Amino acid sequence: MTLFGLEMGGQEIASLCGLLAVLALWIAALRREKRSIKWFRDWEAARKARRDAELAGEDNDRPKTGPWG
């Protein structure tokens, strides 16, 4: 087989296929990493919103005493 004017044997073709497979694995790993980061950020925002709502609900039930009301 000739590629870009160079004769490629079985070993070169196998190496090229291996490099392409490794590239595909890296792309898949990067996608999973980005997806997990997005999931964690969404989870953290939802947790913070639940916590803020919980704290806001507790503040209304507390008796207003002291110099700051």
Protein backbone atom coordinates (compact mmCIF):
# COMPACT_ATOMS: atom_id res chain seq x y z
CA MET A 1 0.00 0.00 0.00
CA THR A 2 1.26 3.49 -0.82
CA LEU A 3 0.38 6.47 1.37
CA PHE A 4 1.72 9.95 0.58
CA GLY A 5 4.28 8.38 -1.73
CA LEU A 6 5.64 6.01 0.94
CA GLU A 7 5.36 2.26 0.76
CA MET A 8 3.62 0.97 3.89
CA GLY A 9 3.94 -2.60 5.01
CA GLY A 10 1.89 -4.57 7.52
CA GLN A 11 3.78 -3.26 10.53
CA GLU A 12 3.27 0.39 9.55
CA ILE A 13 -0.44 -0.15 8.92
CA ALA A 14 -0.84 -1.92 12.26
CA SER A 15 0.99 0.94 14.00
CA LEU A 16 -1.24 3.49 12.31
CA CYS A 17 -4.36 1.58 13.37
CA GLY A 18 -3.02 1.36 16.93
CA LEU A 19 -2.39 5.10 17.05
CA LEU A 20 -5.89 5.81 15.78
CA ALA A 21 -7.35 3.46 18.40
CA VAL A 22 -5.41 5.21 21.18
CA LEU A 23 -6.63 8.57 19.89
CA ALA A 24 -10.22 7.31 20.00
CA LEU A 25 -9.72 6.09 23.58
CA TRP A 26 -8.32 9.46 24.66
CA ILE A 27 -11.25 11.29 23.08
CA ALA A 28 -13.72 8.97 24.86
CA ALA A 29 -11.93 9.48 28.18
CA LEU A 30 -11.97 13.27 27.72
CA ARG A 31 -15.70 13.19 26.98
CA ARG A 32 -16.40 11.13 30.10
CA GLU A 33 -14.27 13.48 32.19
CA LYS A 34 -16.14 16.55 30.93
CA ARG A 35 -19.49 14.82 31.51
CA SER A 36 -18.53 13.95 35.10
CA ILE A 37 -17.37 17.52 35.77
CA LYS A 38 -20.68 18.86 34.45
CA TRP A 39 -22.63 16.37 36.57
CA PHE A 40 -20.68 17.34 39.69
CA ARG A 41 -21.20 21.06 39.10
CA ASP A 42 -24.94 20.54 38.62
CA TRP A 43 -25.13 18.35 41.72
CA GLU A 44 -23.19 20.88 43.77
CA ALA A 45 -25.46 23.75 42.63
CA ALA A 46 -28.58 21.73 43.49
CA ARG A 47 -27.14 20.81 46.89
CA LYS A 48 -26.31 24.44 47.61
CA ALA A 49 -29.82 25.52 46.56
CA ARG A 50 -31.37 22.90 48.86
CA ARG A 51 -29.10 23.98 51.71
CA ASP A 52 -29.87 27.67 51.19
CA ALA A 53 -33.61 26.95 51.13
CA GLU A 54 -33.28 24.90 54.30
CA LEU A 55 -31.38 27.67 56.07
CA ALA A 56 -33.86 30.29 54.90
CA GLY A 57 -36.71 28.21 56.30
CA GLU A 58 -34.96 27.83 59.64
CA ASP A 59 -34.34 31.57 59.97
CA ASN A 60 -38.08 32.33 59.84
CA ASP A 61 -38.86 29.87 62.64
CA ARG A 62 -36.28 31.30 65.01
CA PRO A 63 -37.47 33.89 67.52
CA LYS A 64 -36.21 37.40 66.76
CA THR A 65 -34.15 38.40 69.78
CA GLY A 66 -31.04 40.40 70.23
CA PRO A 67 -29.79 43.70 68.80
CA TRP A 68 -29.98 42.52 65.17
CA GLY A 69 -33.56 41.35 65.39
